[in-house]
C-alpha atoms as a PDB file:
ATOM      1  CA  UNK A   1     115.234 153.492 166.208  1.00  0.00           C
ATOM      2  CA  UNK A   2     115.035 153.002 162.446  1.00  0.00           C
ATOM      3  CA  UNK A   3     117.077 150.161 160.963  1.00  0.00           C
ATOM      4  CA  UNK A   4     119.487 151.090 158.206  1.00  0.00           C
ATOM      5  CA  UNK A   5     118.354 150.248 154.703  1.00  0.00           C
ATOM      6  CA  UNK A   6     114.649 149.865 155.479  1.00  0.00           C
ATOM      7  CA  UNK A   7     112.458 151.944 153.197  1.00  0.00           C
ATOM      8  CA  UNK A   8     108.753 152.351 153.905  1.00  0.00           C
ATOM      9  CA  UNK A   9     106.414 151.808 151.004  1.00  0.00           C
ATOM     10  CA  UNK A  10     104.941 155.034 149.700  1.00  0.00           C
ATOM     11  CA  UNK A  11     101.381 154.510 148.516  1.00  0.00           C
ATOM     12  CA  UNK A  12      99.727 157.184 146.425  1.00  0.00           C
ATOM     13  CA  UNK A  13      96.277 157.322 144.866  1.00  0.00           C
ATOM     14  CA  UNK A  14      97.845 156.444 141.517  1.00  0.00           C
ATOM     15  CA  UNK A  15      99.290 153.275 143.067  1.00  0.00           C
ATOM     16  CA  UNK A  16      95.907 152.047 144.265  1.00  0.00           C
ATOM     17  CA  UNK A  17      94.488 149.430 141.899  1.00  0.00           C
ATOM     18  CA  UNK A  18      90.741 149.451 141.295  1.00  0.00           C
ATOM     19  CA  UNK A  19      89.962 145.710 141.418  1.00  0.00           C
ATOM     20  CA  UNK A  20      92.216 142.826 142.426  1.00  0.00           C
ATOM     21  CA  UNK A  21      91.869 139.501 140.548  1.00  0.00           C
ATOM     22  CA  UNK A  22      92.945 136.213 142.202  1.00  0.00           C
ATOM     23  CA  UNK A  23      95.550 134.372 140.122  1.00  0.00           C
ATOM     24  CA  UNK A  24      97.408 131.076 140.342  1.00  0.00           C
ATOM     25  CA  UNK A  25     100.790 129.889 139.179  1.00  0.00           C
ATOM     26  CA  UNK A  26      99.976 127.950 136.034  1.00  0.00           C
ATOM     27  CA  UNK A  27     103.443 127.349 134.645  1.00  0.00           C
ATOM     28  CA  UNK A  28     107.102 127.751 135.395  1.00  0.00           C
ATOM     29  CA  UNK A  29     109.796 127.542 132.704  1.00  0.00           C
ATOM     30  CA  UNK A  30     113.357 127.059 133.872  1.00  0.00           C
ATOM     31  CA  UNK A  31     116.271 127.185 131.468  1.00  0.00           C
ATOM     32  CA  UNK A  32     119.533 125.956 132.929  1.00  0.00           C
ATOM     33  CA  UNK A  33     121.710 128.042 130.625  1.00  0.00           C
ATOM     34  CA  UNK A  34     119.836 131.326 130.997  1.00  0.00           C
ATOM     35  CA  UNK A  35     119.571 134.137 133.523  1.00  0.00           C
ATOM     36  CA  UNK A  36     115.913 134.584 132.532  1.00  0.00           C
ATOM     37  CA  UNK A  37     113.269 132.198 133.804  1.00  0.00           C
ATOM     38  CA  UNK A  38     109.500 132.591 133.441  1.00  0.00           C
ATOM     39  CA  UNK A  39     106.438 132.109 135.560  1.00  0.00           C
ATOM     40  CA  UNK A  40     102.971 132.294 134.098  1.00  0.00           C
ATOM     41  CA  UNK A  41     100.093 133.517 136.267  1.00  0.00           C
ATOM     42  CA  UNK A  42      96.496 132.829 135.233  1.00  0.00           C
ATOM     43  CA  UNK A  43      93.309 134.203 136.753  1.00  0.00           C
ATOM     44  CA  UNK A  44      91.573 131.606 138.926  1.00  0.00           C
ATOM     45  CA  UNK A  45      88.103 132.172 137.479  1.00  0.00           C
ATOM     46  CA  UNK A  46      89.001 132.764 133.840  1.00  0.00           C
ATOM     47  CA  UNK A  47      91.510 132.317 131.054  1.00  0.00           C
ATOM     48  CA  UNK A  48      93.513 135.542 131.132  1.00  0.00           C
ATOM     49  CA  UNK A  49      97.138 135.184 132.081  1.00  0.00           C
ATOM     50  CA  UNK A  50     100.561 136.691 131.678  1.00  0.00           C
ATOM     51  CA  UNK A  51     104.255 135.780 132.016  1.00  0.00           C
ATOM     52  CA  UNK A  52     106.773 137.414 134.324  1.00  0.00           C
ATOM     53  CA  UNK A  53     110.498 137.084 133.723  1.00  0.00           C
ATOM     54  CA  UNK A  54     112.258 136.166 136.969  1.00  0.00           C
ATOM     55  CA  UNK A  55     115.763 135.302 138.108  1.00  0.00           C
ATOM     56  CA  UNK A  56     117.243 131.851 138.646  1.00  0.00           C
ATOM     57  CA  UNK A  57     117.147 131.911 142.462  1.00  0.00           C
ATOM     58  CA  UNK A  58     113.467 132.888 142.559  1.00  0.00           C
ATOM     59  CA  UNK A  59     112.653 130.265 139.909  1.00  0.00           C
ATOM     60  CA  UNK A  60     114.506 127.626 141.914  1.00  0.00           C
ATOM     61  CA  UNK A  61     112.590 128.563 145.065  1.00  0.00           C
ATOM     62  CA  UNK A  62     109.255 128.440 143.237  1.00  0.00           C
ATOM     63  CA  UNK A  63     110.186 125.033 141.791  1.00  0.00           C
ATOM     64  CA  UNK A  64     111.058 123.780 145.299  1.00  0.00           C
ATOM     65  CA  UNK A  65     107.649 124.916 146.573  1.00  0.00           C
ATOM     66  CA  UNK A  66     105.749 123.415 143.618  1.00  0.00           C
ATOM     67  CA  UNK A  67     107.584 120.083 143.878  1.00  0.00           C
ATOM     68  CA  UNK A  68     107.487 120.087 147.712  1.00  0.00           C
ATOM     69  CA  UNK A  69     111.290 119.886 148.003  1.00  0.00           C
ATOM     70  CA  UNK A  70     113.175 121.283 150.977  1.00  0.00           C
ATOM     71  CA  UNK A  71     116.761 122.483 151.080  1.00  0.00           C
ATOM     72  CA  UNK A  72     118.908 121.055 153.865  1.00  0.00           C
ATOM     73  CA  UNK A  73     119.340 124.535 155.323  1.00  0.00           C
ATOM     74  CA  UNK A  74     117.048 127.568 154.959  1.00  0.00           C
ATOM     75  CA  UNK A  75     117.700 129.513 151.777  1.00  0.00           C
ATOM     76  CA  UNK A  76     116.884 133.214 151.338  1.00  0.00           C
ATOM     77  CA  UNK A  77     113.112 132.950 150.846  1.00  0.00           C
ATOM     78  CA  UNK A  78     112.737 130.344 153.583  1.00  0.00           C
ATOM     79  CA  UNK A  79     114.817 132.525 155.897  1.00  0.00           C
ATOM     80  CA  UNK A  80     112.616 135.550 155.157  1.00  0.00           C
ATOM     81  CA  UNK A  81     109.433 133.583 155.827  1.00  0.00           C
ATOM     82  CA  UNK A  82     110.910 132.071 159.018  1.00  0.00           C
ATOM     83  CA  UNK A  83     111.974 135.549 160.174  1.00  0.00           C
ATOM     84  CA  UNK A  84     108.503 136.970 159.618  1.00  0.00           C
ATOM     85  CA  UNK A  85     107.030 134.072 161.612  1.00  0.00           C
ATOM     86  CA  UNK A  86     109.631 134.426 164.397  1.00  0.00           C
ATOM     87  CA  UNK A  87     108.554 138.060 164.796  1.00  0.00           C
ATOM     88  CA  UNK A  88     104.938 136.950 165.196  1.00  0.00           C
ATOM     89  CA  UNK A  89     103.825 137.836 161.690  1.00  0.00           C
ATOM     90  CA  UNK A  90     102.615 136.009 158.639  1.00  0.00           C
ATOM     91  CA  UNK A  91     102.485 136.601 154.915  1.00  0.00           C
ATOM     92  CA  UNK A  92      98.764 136.914 154.166  1.00  0.00           C
ATOM     93  CA  UNK A  93      98.781 137.954 150.521  1.00  0.00           C
ATOM     94  CA  UNK A  94     100.680 139.041 147.445  1.00  0.00           C
ATOM     95  CA  UNK A  95      99.321 141.788 145.197  1.00  0.00           C
ATOM     96  CA  UNK A  96     100.840 142.653 141.815  1.00  0.00           C
ATOM     97  CA  UNK A  97      99.704 146.255 141.665  1.00  0.00           C
ATOM     98  CA  UNK A  98     101.262 147.985 138.672  1.00  0.00           C
ATOM     99  CA  UNK A  99     103.222 147.673 135.450  1.00  0.00           C
ATOM    100  CA  UNK A 100     105.449 150.610 134.524  1.00  0.00           C
ATOM    101  CA  UNK A 101     108.148 150.665 131.851  1.00  0.00           C
ATOM    102  CA  UNK A 102     107.862 146.882 131.399  1.00  0.00           C
ATOM    103  CA  UNK A 103     108.462 146.330 135.125  1.00  0.00           C
ATOM    104  CA  UNK A 104     105.912 144.744 137.446  1.00  0.00           C
ATOM    105  CA  UNK A 105     105.484 146.078 140.992  1.00  0.00           C
ATOM    106  CA  UNK A 106     104.112 144.062 143.888  1.00  0.00           C
ATOM    107  CA  UNK A 107     103.193 144.355 147.540  1.00  0.00           C
ATOM    108  CA  UNK A 108     103.466 141.670 150.159  1.00  0.00           C
ATOM    109  CA  UNK A 109     100.759 141.821 152.783  1.00  0.00           C
ATOM    110  CA  UNK A 110     102.109 141.008 156.244  1.00  0.00           C
ATOM    111  CA  UNK A 111      99.875 140.638 159.294  1.00  0.00           C
ATOM    112  CA  UNK A 112     100.599 140.620 163.002  1.00  0.00           C
ATOM    113  CA  UNK A 113      98.208 141.044 165.883  1.00  0.00           C
ATOM    114  CA  UNK A 114      95.350 141.975 163.544  1.00  0.00           C
ATOM    115  CA  UNK A 115      97.321 144.715 161.805  1.00  0.00           C
ATOM    116  CA  UNK A 116      98.258 144.456 158.125  1.00  0.00           C
ATOM    117  CA  UNK A 117     101.298 146.136 156.620  1.00  0.00           C
ATOM    118  CA  UNK A 118     102.018 146.429 152.887  1.00  0.00           C
ATOM    119  CA  UNK A 119     105.649 145.977 151.884  1.00  0.00           C
ATOM    120  CA  UNK A 120     107.004 146.908 148.451  1.00  0.00           C
ATOM    121  CA  UNK A 121     108.486 143.828 146.761  1.00  0.00           C
ATOM    122  CA  UNK A 122     109.641 142.472 143.451  1.00  0.00           C
ATOM    123  CA  UNK A 123     106.915 140.168 142.120  1.00  0.00           C
ATOM    124  CA  UNK A 124     109.364 137.274 141.812  1.00  0.00           C
ATOM    125  CA  UNK A 125     110.270 137.412 145.520  1.00  0.00           C
ATOM    126  CA  UNK A 126     106.689 138.101 146.584  1.00  0.00           C
ATOM    127  CA  UNK A 127     105.323 135.167 144.557  1.00  0.00           C
ATOM    128  CA  UNK A 128     108.049 132.839 145.902  1.00  0.00           C
ATOM    129  CA  UNK A 129     107.237 133.843 149.499  1.00  0.00           C
ATOM    130  CA  UNK A 130     103.497 133.812 148.871  1.00  0.00           C
ATOM    131  CA  UNK A 131     103.560 130.313 147.399  1.00  0.00           C
ATOM    132  CA  UNK A 132     105.670 129.054 150.297  1.00  0.00           C
ATOM    133  CA  UNK A 133     103.258 130.696 152.770  1.00  0.00           C
ATOM    134  CA  UNK A 134     100.226 129.335 150.917  1.00  0.00           C
ATOM    135  CA  UNK A 135      98.573 132.737 150.687  1.00  0.00           C
ATOM    136  CA  UNK A 136      96.467 134.292 147.908  1.00  0.00           C
ATOM    137  CA  UNK A 137      98.157 135.960 144.949  1.00  0.00           C
ATOM    138  CA  UNK A 138      96.230 138.714 143.167  1.00  0.00           C
ATOM    139  CA  UNK A 139      96.841 141.069 140.272  1.00  0.00           C
ATOM    140  CA  UNK A 140      95.273 144.447 139.579  1.00  0.00           C
ATOM    141  CA  UNK A 141      92.668 144.291 136.811  1.00  0.00           C
ATOM    142  CA  UNK A 142      94.441 147.027 134.834  1.00  0.00           C
ATOM    143  CA  UNK A 143      97.767 145.164 135.062  1.00  0.00           C
ATOM    144  CA  UNK A 144      96.144 141.914 133.927  1.00  0.00           C
ATOM    145  CA  UNK A 145      94.523 143.683 130.971  1.00  0.00           C
ATOM    146  CA  UNK A 146      97.782 145.357 129.944  1.00  0.00           C
ATOM    147  CA  UNK A 147     100.028 142.319 130.392  1.00  0.00           C
ATOM    148  CA  UNK A 148      97.671 139.543 129.333  1.00  0.00           C
ATOM    149  CA  UNK A 149      98.927 137.186 126.678  1.00  0.00           C
ATOM    150  CA  UNK A 150      96.187 134.571 126.602  1.00  0.00           C
ATOM    151  CA  UNK A 151      96.012 134.389 122.847  1.00  0.00           C
ATOM    152  CA  UNK A 152      96.022 131.209 120.774  1.00  0.00           C
ATOM    153  CA  UNK A 153      99.821 131.025 120.883  1.00  0.00           C
ATOM    154  CA  UNK A 154     101.960 130.369 123.918  1.00  0.00           C
ATOM    155  CA  UNK A 155     103.885 133.569 124.736  1.00  0.00           C
ATOM    156  CA  UNK A 156     106.656 131.668 126.500  1.00  0.00           C
ATOM    157  CA  UNK A 157     109.710 130.536 124.553  1.00  0.00           C
ATOM    158  CA  UNK A 158     109.882 127.003 123.257  1.00  0.00           C
ATOM    159  CA  UNK A 159     111.821 124.649 125.480  1.00  0.00           C
ATOM    160  CA  UNK A 160     115.252 123.696 124.209  1.00  0.00           C
ATOM    161  CA  UNK A 161     116.915 120.384 124.885  1.00  0.00           C
ATOM    162  CA  UNK A 162     118.161 120.447 128.455  1.00  0.00           C
ATOM    163  CA  UNK A 163     115.512 122.891 129.644  1.00  0.00           C
ATOM    164  CA  UNK A 164     113.597 122.030 132.750  1.00  0.00           C
ATOM    165  CA  UNK A 165     110.210 123.429 131.786  1.00  0.00           C
ATOM    166  CA  UNK A 166     107.699 122.645 134.477  1.00  0.00           C
ATOM    167  CA  UNK A 167     103.949 122.899 134.576  1.00  0.00           C
ATOM    168  CA  UNK A 168     102.316 123.321 137.910  1.00  0.00           C
END
């Protein structure tokens, strides 16, 4: 029986990245008066990096993970991770696989009983879950090359008074 609203990921040859580069969260910028927050991912063995605009709830979850804060009750990302674990699975990786029309696409890698399943995800949710799970985050080489902004100037907006810009 198929559950309503569950869509399988469709993987085509065009969707398959050539090389995956390990990245780390290098910065999070949270603006209290904005719907747009930013995370900055940087390759682990280099200097290339790029920002991703994310929503306030994902930014708050990432900040909780980075600062090791827990909510009194499970919030959405904690609930998702707990549900995966309750079903005998684990989040084993996050891959940011493409950039189309200024939108990043990601896959969460879930494993259970030695089998890995790729699930289509927004990068913001995938990174939040991946950080909470402590799993590797990778980006396709071609995405990193297209999105990279590791020039001499910081591509993220300057912090205004009242902003909660955080470096991780």
